[in-house]
Amino acid sequence: MPRRRLVWQIFPSHLFVTLAAVAAITAYMAGRVNDLHLHHVAAELEVRARLMVDPVRAAVARGDRVRVQEVCATLATAGAARITVISPNGEVWADSEESPTAMDNHGTRPEVMDALAGRVGSSVRFSRTRQRNMMYVALPVAEGGAVVAVLRAALPLERIQEALWSNRTHLILGAVVVALLAAAASWLVSRRITRPLEEMKQGAARFAAGDFVHHLGVPESEEMGSLAQAMNQMARELDDRIRTIGQERNEQEAVLSSMVEGVIAVDAERRILSLNRSAAALLGLDSAKIQGESMEAVLRNLSLQEFIGRALESDVPIEGEFAFHSGEDQIVRAHGTVLRDAAGAKLGAVTVLNDVTQLRRLEQVRRDFVANVSHELRTPITSIKGFVETLQDGAVANPEDARRFLEIVGKQADRLNA
């Protein structure tokens, strides 16, 4: 899966929670504002209706329906509301907008039933007469403790909705502004959280590239600050260890380079790990170009390959001697042993090569010299010994033979001296 930046994982969740909270609050406030406005309108209608109770009571007391109709029309014009007067039996006596004779019995209307019971009744419903949603507020008109009529005031909800839309518009605009501010705040918070992590990521990349001089800034938060301090400490320790390893490596390379013997190290998969200068010169290879290459692909001498293979398989050091053929015969003495780590696991093998060609030549010269000297010494000694034995056997009594034999002994002595 493609990896996303942390800021794009934190910011959307923060923004979603914030927008959900703003939307919920806006919806709740819109409902509350709607209810409050309807309650306010209902209260206002009640106030208007109460101002109309006395004129309606006087007209009803006289039983003059024409006067009741005139009062309704006058009051409706002054109050900008529809006024209806209903008898206790539900018959419509007067209405400011419709003919009472064309209207149904209103005795079952909820607000009328409340008013007939002596309470203030209110209702919001669809009016079949006006074919629109209306708000109704009904008051009882009492005379002598008895309800003689019901005075009802009504307003179309369209007028109320116009005011509500204005309130809702302001509320929505406010919610949008709050949402934008919340989005900006969420972005700033997300960046504040992720910026130290991005700086640590860049610092870790520099550490991985070997730049241990630059240290990370320590954020104010406990978690981020502890992480930055740990990474800085890690960088210092890595720098010290790499310097130590580099120094040891340089010393090791200096030792290997100064060795007359050739050194070849291979891993368990028979890949070249190391090749010093003497081994490269002996084998005619470039040590810088064969690191990690297969032993079989680099070493052309089959005897050497077999020897290194045996060293990898053997648990004890082994020795061997074989010839190189590079224009003139070369005799190489090899010592091989297994490489192991601190836990004793096998890592590979190391082979030390000694060019013993000159030594073998000197040994052959020595053997030839000893054989020649032995031959050259044996002949005169045998002759001297033979004539001495002859003289001892009695030839010394004959002066001529003795003199001749002694001359021969002298010549052989001169030959030995030569």
Protein backbone atom coordinates (compact mmCIF):
# COMPACT_ATOMS: atom_id res chain seq x y z
CA MET A 1 0.00 0.00 0.00
CA PRO A 2 1.24 3.53 -0.74
CA ARG A 3 2.39 5.27 2.40
CA ARG A 4 0.83 8.59 3.34
CA ARG A 5 2.43 11.39 5.28
CA LEU A 6 1.48 11.52 8.94
CA VAL A 7 0.02 15.01 8.61
CA TRP A 8 -2.52 13.66 6.09
CA GLN A 9 -3.48 10.97 8.57
CA ILE A 10 -3.88 13.31 11.55
CA PHE A 11 -5.35 16.39 9.84
CA PRO A 12 -8.39 14.69 8.17
CA SER A 13 -9.39 12.97 11.41
CA HIS A 14 -9.08 16.21 13.40
CA LEU A 15 -10.95 18.08 10.70
CA PHE A 16 -13.68 15.43 10.52
CA VAL A 17 -14.20 15.49 14.29
CA THR A 18 -14.23 19.29 14.32
CA LEU A 19 -16.62 19.60 11.37
CA ALA A 20 -18.87 16.90 12.81
CA ALA A 21 -18.97 18.79 16.10
CA VAL A 22 -19.67 22.10 14.30
CA ALA A 23 -22.37 20.44 12.17
CA ALA A 24 -23.99 18.85 15.22
CA ILE A 25 -23.91 22.13 17.15
CA THR A 26 -25.23 24.02 14.11
CA ALA A 27 -28.06 21.53 13.63
CA TYR A 28 -28.90 21.67 17.32
CA MET A 29 -28.76 25.46 17.36
CA ALA A 30 -30.86 25.65 14.19
CA GLY A 31 -33.51 23.47 15.85
CA ARG A 32 -33.34 25.50 19.03
CA VAL A 33 -33.56 28.77 17.11
CA ASN A 34 -36.52 27.38 15.16
CA ASP A 35 -38.26 26.33 18.36
CA LEU A 36 -37.46 29.61 20.07
CA HIS A 37 -38.69 31.58 17.12
CA LEU A 38 -41.91 29.59 16.90
CA HIS A 39 -42.36 30.04 20.65
CA HIS A 40 -41.72 33.75 20.25
CA VAL A 41 -44.21 34.01 17.41
CA ALA A 42 -46.74 32.01 19.41
CA ALA A 43 -46.24 34.32 22.40
CA GLU A 44 -46.58 37.35 20.16
CA LEU A 45 -49.79 35.98 18.66
CA GLU A 46 -51.06 35.33 22.18
CA VAL A 47 -50.32 38.93 23.15
CA ARG A 48 -52.14 40.19 20.05
CA ALA A 49 -55.07 37.90 20.72
CA ARG A 50 -55.37 39.06 24.34
CA LEU A 51 -55.61 42.65 23.11
CA MET A 52 -58.58 41.56 20.96
CA VAL A 53 -60.49 39.64 23.64
CA ASP A 54 -62.47 42.58 25.04
CA PRO A 55 -63.88 43.87 21.69
CA VAL A 56 -64.78 40.33 20.70
CA ARG A 57 -66.44 39.65 24.10
CA ALA A 58 -68.57 42.78 23.78
CA ALA A 59 -69.69 41.84 20.26
CA VAL A 60 -70.38 38.23 21.24
CA ALA A 61 -72.33 39.34 24.31
CA ARG A 62 -74.73 41.26 22.05
CA GLY A 63 -75.03 38.25 19.75
CA ASP A 64 -74.29 40.46 16.76
CA ARG A 65 -72.42 38.23 14.30
CA VAL A 66 -72.09 41.07 11.81
CA ARG A 67 -70.35 43.13 14.46
CA VAL A 68 -68.16 40.16 15.34
CA GLN A 69 -67.17 39.90 11.67
CA GLU A 70 -66.38 43.61 11.53
CA VAL A 71 -64.31 43.37 14.69
CA CYS A 72 -62.36 40.40 13.24
CA ALA A 73 -61.64 42.28 10.01
CA THR A 74 -60.52 45.38 11.91
CA LEU A 75 -58.35 43.48 14.35
CA ALA A 76 -56.77 41.38 11.57
CA THR A 77 -55.80 44.53 9.65
CA ALA A 78 -54.27 46.08 12.76
CA GLY A 79 -52.46 42.94 13.91
CA ALA A 80 -51.45 41.61 10.48
CA ALA A 81 -52.82 38.18 11.42
CA ARG A 82 -55.80 36.07 10.52
CA ILE A 83 -58.52 36.30 13.21
CA THR A 84 -61.25 33.72 13.72
CA VAL A 85 -64.06 33.66 16.29
CA ILE A 86 -65.52 30.25 17.07
CA SER A 87 -68.60 29.42 19.15
CA PRO A 88 -68.46 26.89 22.01
CA ASN A 89 -70.09 24.29 19.74
CA GLY A 90 -67.30 24.69 17.15
CA GLU A 91 -69.26 26.83 14.66
CA VAL A 92 -67.25 29.60 13.03
CA TRP A 93 -68.91 32.91 13.72
CA ALA A 94 -66.40 35.17 12.00
CA ASP A 95 -63.12 35.00 10.05
CA SER A 96 -60.99 37.82 8.71
CA GLU A 97 -60.10 36.07 5.46
CA GLU A 98 -62.79 33.49 4.67
CA SER A 99 -66.57 33.33 4.75
CA PRO A 100 -67.68 31.61 7.97
CA THR A 101 -70.44 29.73 6.15
CA ALA A 102 -67.84 28.01 3.92
CA MET A 103 -65.76 26.80 6.83
CA ASP A 104 -66.02 23.46 8.63
CA ASN A 105 -66.86 22.99 12.26
CA HIS A 106 -63.68 23.78 14.30
CA GLY A 107 -64.69 22.11 17.50
CA THR A 108 -62.14 19.32 16.99
CA ARG A 109 -59.20 21.57 16.32
CA PRO A 110 -56.52 21.03 19.00
CA GLU A 111 -56.08 24.69 19.84
CA VAL A 112 -59.86 25.23 19.96
CA MET A 113 -60.33 22.28 22.28
CA ASP A 114 -57.67 23.70 24.62
CA ALA A 115 -59.31 27.13 24.56
CA LEU A 116 -62.76 25.66 25.26
CA ALA A 117 -61.16 23.95 28.27
CA GLY A 118 -60.08 27.36 29.54
CA ARG A 119 -56.43 27.09 28.47
CA VAL A 120 -54.36 28.89 25.84
CA GLY A 121 -54.10 26.53 22.87
CA SER A 122 -51.49 26.56 20.10
CA SER A 123 -50.86 24.39 17.07
CA VAL A 124 -48.89 24.30 13.83
CA ARG A 125 -50.55 22.36 11.01
CA PHE A 126 -51.71 22.45 7.41
CA SER A 127 -54.81 24.55 6.80
CA ARG A 128 -57.20 23.01 4.27
CA THR A 129 -58.97 26.34 3.99
CA ARG A 130 -55.84 28.32 3.16
CA GLN A 131 -53.89 25.36 1.66
CA ARG A 132 -50.75 26.23 3.57
CA ASN A 133 -49.04 25.58 6.89
CA MET A 134 -50.27 27.88 9.63
CA MET A 135 -49.54 28.64 13.27
CA TYR A 136 -52.61 28.95 15.45
CA VAL A 137 -53.01 30.44 18.93
CA ALA A 138 -56.49 30.25 20.55
CA LEU A 139 -57.73 32.07 23.69
CA PRO A 140 -60.94 31.47 25.59
CA VAL A 141 -63.40 34.42 25.67
CA ALA A 142 -65.08 34.10 29.06
CA GLU A 143 -68.16 35.84 30.41
CA GLY A 144 -69.37 35.18 33.92
CA GLY A 145 -66.95 32.31 34.38
CA ALA A 146 -68.10 30.50 31.24
CA VAL A 147 -66.40 30.31 27.84
CA VAL A 148 -68.73 32.07 25.42
CA ALA A 149 -66.39 31.99 22.41
CA VAL A 150 -62.88 31.18 21.22
CA LEU A 151 -60.66 33.86 19.71
CA ARG A 152 -58.02 32.40 17.41
CA ALA A 153 -55.12 34.26 15.77
CA ALA A 154 -53.08 32.68 12.97
CA LEU A 155 -50.04 33.45 10.87
CA PRO A 156 -48.82 31.64 7.75
CA LEU A 157 -45.57 29.75 8.34
CA GLU A 158 -44.13 31.36 5.19
CA ARG A 159 -43.74 34.59 7.07
CA ILE A 160 -42.19 32.76 9.97
CA GLN A 161 -39.92 30.80 7.59
CA GLU A 162 -38.66 34.05 6.07
CA ALA A 163 -37.45 35.18 9.46
CA LEU A 164 -36.13 31.71 10.20
CA TRP A 165 -34.21 31.61 6.92
CA SER A 166 -32.56 34.89 7.83
CA ASN A 167 -31.55 33.44 11.20
CA ARG A 168 -30.45 30.18 9.60
CA THR A 169 -28.40 32.06 7.02
CA HIS A 170 -26.54 33.91 9.74
CA LEU A 171 -26.16 30.69 11.70
CA ILE A 172 -24.82 28.81 8.64
CA LEU A 173 -22.44 31.63 7.81
CA GLY A 174 -21.21 31.57 11.39
CA ALA A 175 -20.82 27.80 11.21
CA VAL A 176 -18.83 28.11 7.98
CA VAL A 177 -16.53 30.68 9.56
CA VAL A 178 -16.11 28.48 12.62
CA ALA A 179 -15.44 25.45 10.37
CA LEU A 180 -12.77 27.38 8.46
CA LEU A 181 -11.17 28.54 11.69
CA ALA A 182 -11.37 24.98 13.03
CA ALA A 183 -9.80 23.63 9.84
CA ALA A 184 -6.96 26.14 10.14
CA ALA A 185 -6.52 25.26 13.81
CA SER A 186 -6.56 21.52 12.98
CA TRP A 187 -3.94 22.08 10.29
CA LEU A 188 -1.73 24.06 12.69
CA VAL A 189 -2.10 21.41 15.39
CA SER A 190 -1.34 18.63 12.90
CA ARG A 191 1.72 20.46 11.61
CA ARG A 192 2.83 21.16 15.18
CA ILE A 193 2.66 17.41 15.87
CA THR A 194 4.24 16.24 12.62
CA ARG A 195 6.92 18.92 12.12
CA PRO A 196 9.24 17.51 14.84
CA LEU A 197 8.76 14.04 13.36
CA GLU A 198 9.69 15.33 9.89
CA GLU A 199 12.79 17.00 11.34
CA MET A 200 13.71 13.72 13.05
CA LYS A 201 13.15 11.87 9.77
CA GLN A 202 15.51 14.27 7.98
CA GLY A 203 18.01 13.96 10.83
CA ALA A 204 17.81 10.15 10.67
CA ALA A 205 18.44 10.34 6.91
CA ARG A 206 21.56 12.46 7.57
CA PHE A 207 22.68 9.97 10.21
CA ALA A 208 22.16 7.13 7.72
CA ALA A 209 24.28 9.07 5.20
CA GLY A 210 27.09 9.34 7.75
CA ASP A 211 26.57 12.96 8.83
CA PHE A 212 26.82 12.80 12.62
CA VAL A 213 27.89 16.41 13.14
CA HIS A 214 24.38 17.86 12.87
CA HIS A 215 22.27 17.27 15.97
CA LEU A 216 18.49 17.31 16.15
CA GLY A 217 16.67 20.10 17.92
CA VAL A 218 14.90 18.98 21.11
CA PRO A 219 11.13 19.72 21.01
CA GLU A 220 9.29 20.96 24.08
CA SER A 221 7.04 17.91 24.45
CA GLU A 222 8.32 15.15 26.74
CA GLU A 223 7.86 12.32 24.22
CA MET A 224 9.36 14.13 21.22
CA GLY A 225 12.13 15.62 23.33
CA SER A 226 13.11 12.22 24.73
CA LEU A 227 13.10 10.74 21.23
CA ALA A 228 15.29 13.54 19.85
CA GLN A 229 17.75 13.19 22.74
CA ALA A 230 17.90 9.42 22.21
CA MET A 231 18.59 9.92 18.49
CA ASN A 232 21.33 12.47 19.22
CA GLN A 233 22.90 10.07 21.71
CA MET A 234 22.65 7.29 19.13
CA ALA A 235 24.38 9.52 16.56
CA ARG A 236 27.24 10.25 18.96
CA GLU A 237 27.71 6.58 19.78
CA LEU A 238 27.51 5.61 16.12
CA ASP A 239 30.10 8.26 15.27
CA ASP A 240 32.45 6.93 17.96
CA ARG A 241 31.94 3.32 16.91
CA ILE A 242 32.35 4.05 13.21
CA ARG A 243 35.53 5.98 13.91
CA THR A 244 36.83 3.07 16.00
CA ILE A 245 35.83 0.55 13.34
CA GLY A 246 37.40 2.71 10.64
CA GLN A 247 40.63 2.99 12.60
CA GLU A 248 40.69 -0.76 13.22
CA ARG A 249 39.94 -1.39 9.56
CA ASN A 250 42.76 0.91 8.47
CA GLU A 251 45.13 -0.82 10.86
CA GLN A 252 43.99 -4.22 9.59
CA GLU A 253 44.38 -3.14 5.97
CA ALA A 254 47.81 -1.72 6.74
CA VAL A 255 48.85 -5.00 8.33
CA LEU A 256 47.44 -7.06 5.47
CA SER A 257 48.95 -4.77 2.84
CA SER A 258 52.38 -4.98 4.44
CA MET A 259 52.32 -8.76 4.61
CA VAL A 260 54.52 -10.64 2.18
CA GLU A 261 52.09 -13.53 2.33
CA GLY A 262 48.91 -13.41 0.30
CA VAL A 263 45.63 -13.51 2.25
CA ILE A 264 42.27 -14.52 0.76
CA ALA A 265 39.05 -14.47 2.84
CA VAL A 266 35.78 -15.94 1.53
CA ASP A 267 32.33 -16.24 3.13
CA ALA A 268 30.25 -19.37 3.60
CA GLU A 269 28.75 -18.87 0.10
CA ARG A 270 32.26 -18.88 -1.41
CA ARG A 271 32.22 -15.15 -2.21
CA ILE A 272 35.39 -13.07 -1.93
CA LEU A 273 35.42 -11.02 1.26
CA SER A 274 38.96 -9.71 1.26
CA LEU A 275 42.13 -9.95 -0.81
CA ASN A 276 45.34 -8.25 0.24
CA ARG A 277 47.91 -6.69 -2.06
CA SER A 278 50.28 -9.67 -2.05
CA ALA A 279 47.50 -12.10 -2.95
CA ALA A 280 46.27 -9.79 -5.72
CA ALA A 281 49.79 -9.56 -7.16
CA LEU A 282 50.30 -13.32 -6.87
CA LEU A 283 46.99 -14.09 -8.59
CA GLY A 284 47.09 -11.19 -11.05
CA LEU A 285 43.80 -9.68 -9.78
CA ASP A 286 42.46 -6.24 -8.87
CA SER A 287 41.32 -6.46 -5.24
CA ALA A 288 39.01 -3.43 -5.58
CA LYS A 289 36.97 -5.04 -8.36
CA ILE A 290 36.40 -8.54 -7.02
CA GLN A 291 34.85 -7.83 -3.62
CA GLY A 292 31.70 -9.94 -3.31
CA GLU A 293 32.40 -11.92 -6.49
CA SER A 294 32.13 -15.69 -6.60
CA MET A 295 35.37 -17.53 -5.89
CA GLU A 296 34.87 -19.74 -8.96
CA ALA A 297 34.44 -16.70 -11.21
CA VAL A 298 37.58 -14.96 -9.94
CA LEU A 299 40.15 -17.63 -9.06
CA ARG A 300 41.34 -19.42 -12.20
CA ASN A 301 43.50 -21.96 -10.39
CA LEU A 302 41.53 -25.15 -9.83
CA SER A 303 43.89 -26.40 -7.13
CA LEU A 304 43.41 -23.20 -5.13
CA GLN A 305 39.62 -23.44 -5.48
CA GLU A 306 39.66 -27.01 -4.22
CA PHE A 307 41.93 -26.06 -1.31
CA ILE A 308 39.64 -23.19 -0.20
CA GLY A 309 36.66 -25.53 -0.52
CA ARG A 310 38.34 -28.03 1.77
CA ALA A 311 39.17 -25.25 4.24
CA LEU A 312 35.47 -24.27 4.35
CA GLU A 313 34.45 -27.84 5.11
CA SER A 314 37.20 -28.65 7.59
CA ASP A 315 36.97 -27.86 11.30
CA VAL A 316 40.74 -27.86 11.74
CA PRO A 317 43.47 -25.88 9.93
CA ILE A 318 44.77 -27.52 6.76
CA GLU A 319 47.90 -27.09 4.66
CA GLY A 320 48.71 -27.76 1.06
CA GLU A 321 51.17 -27.03 -1.73
CA PHE A 322 50.48 -26.68 -5.42
CA ALA A 323 51.95 -25.18 -8.55
CA PHE A 324 50.91 -22.04 -10.40
CA HIS A 325 51.61 -21.89 -14.11
CA SER A 326 52.11 -18.26 -15.16
CA GLY A 327 54.91 -18.28 -17.73
CA GLU A 328 57.20 -20.02 -15.26
CA ASP A 329 56.27 -22.56 -12.63
CA GLN A 330 55.46 -21.13 -9.23
CA ILE A 331 55.19 -23.20 -6.08
CA VAL A 332 52.70 -21.91 -3.51
CA ARG A 333 52.32 -23.09 0.06
CA ALA A 334 48.79 -22.60 1.43
CA HIS A 335 47.42 -22.56 4.99
CA GLY A 336 43.63 -22.56 5.41
CA THR A 337 41.37 -22.22 8.45
CA VAL A 338 37.70 -21.57 9.16
CA LEU A 339 36.48 -18.07 10.11
CA ARG A 340 34.07 -18.00 13.06
CA ASP A 341 32.25 -15.21 14.88
CA ALA A 342 32.17 -14.62 18.64
CA ALA A 343 29.36 -17.18 19.03
CA GLY A 344 31.30 -19.83 17.14
CA ALA A 345 29.15 -19.73 14.00
CA LYS A 346 31.01 -20.39 10.74
CA LEU A 347 31.43 -17.24 8.65
CA GLY A 348 33.78 -18.51 5.94
CA ALA A 349 37.46 -19.35 5.57
CA VAL A 350 40.78 -17.54 5.30
CA THR A 351 43.70 -18.81 3.24
CA VAL A 352 47.30 -17.63 3.55
CA LEU A 353 49.51 -18.13 0.48
CA ASN A 354 53.31 -18.24 0.55
CA ASP A 355 55.32 -18.18 -2.67
CA VAL A 356 57.96 -20.85 -1.95
CA THR A 357 59.29 -21.08 -5.51
CA GLN A 358 62.71 -19.60 -4.62
CA LEU A 359 62.89 -21.68 -1.48
CA ARG A 360 62.24 -24.85 -3.45
CA ARG A 361 64.88 -23.84 -5.99
CA LEU A 362 67.39 -23.24 -3.21
CA GLU A 363 66.57 -26.61 -1.71
CA GLN A 364 67.13 -28.25 -5.08
CA VAL A 365 70.49 -26.45 -5.42
CA ARG A 366 71.38 -27.62 -1.93
CA ARG A 367 70.47 -31.19 -2.78
CA ASP A 368 72.43 -31.03 -6.04
CA PHE A 369 75.40 -29.49 -4.23
CA VAL A 370 75.36 -32.14 -1.52
CA ALA A 371 75.17 -34.89 -4.14
CA ASN A 372 78.07 -33.38 -6.14
CA VAL A 373 80.18 -32.79 -3.06
CA SER A 374 79.50 -36.30 -1.82
CA HIS A 375 80.62 -37.68 -5.17
CA GLU A 376 83.70 -35.47 -5.36
CA LEU A 377 84.73 -36.37 -1.79
CA ARG A 378 84.06 -40.08 -1.97
CA THR A 379 86.44 -40.83 -4.90
CA PRO A 380 89.69 -39.33 -3.47
CA ILE A 381 88.89 -40.60 0.02
CA THR A 382 88.42 -44.09 -1.33
CA SER A 383 91.72 -43.84 -3.25
CA ILE A 384 93.62 -42.48 -0.23
CA LYS A 385 92.13 -45.13 2.03
CA GLY A 386 93.04 -47.89 -0.45
CA PHE A 387 96.73 -46.84 -0.84
CA VAL A 388 97.09 -46.31 2.92
CA GLU A 389 95.79 -49.83 3.52
CA THR A 390 98.23 -51.12 0.84
CA LEU A 391 101.13 -49.40 2.57
CA GLN A 392 99.97 -50.79 5.88
CA ASP A 393 99.84 -54.29 4.36
CA GLY A 394 103.64 -54.20 3.56
CA ALA A 395 104.11 -52.00 0.54
CA VAL A 396 105.87 -49.52 2.78
CA ALA A 397 108.85 -51.90 2.81
CA ASN A 398 109.33 -51.36 -0.91
CA PRO A 399 110.70 -47.84 -1.25
CA GLU A 400 109.66 -47.38 -4.85
CA ASP A 401 106.07 -48.57 -4.26
CA ALA A 402 105.87 -46.58 -1.08
CA ARG A 403 107.09 -43.42 -2.80
CA ARG A 404 104.62 -43.91 -5.72
CA PHE A 405 101.72 -44.64 -3.38
CA LEU A 406 102.54 -41.61 -1.27
CA GLU A 407 102.61 -39.40 -4.38
CA ILE A 408 99.15 -40.70 -5.31
CA VAL A 409 97.90 -39.98 -1.77
CA GLY A 410 99.32 -36.45 -2.04
CA LYS A 411 97.57 -35.83 -5.37
CA GLN A 412 94.26 -37.07 -3.93
CA ALA A 413 94.74 -34.79 -0.91
CA ASP A 414 95.33 -31.83 -3.28
CA ARG A 415 92.14 -32.87 -5.11
CA LEU A 416 90.23 -32.81 -1.84
CA ASN A 417 91.67 -29.43 -1.03
CA ALA A 418 90.57 -28.15 -4.42
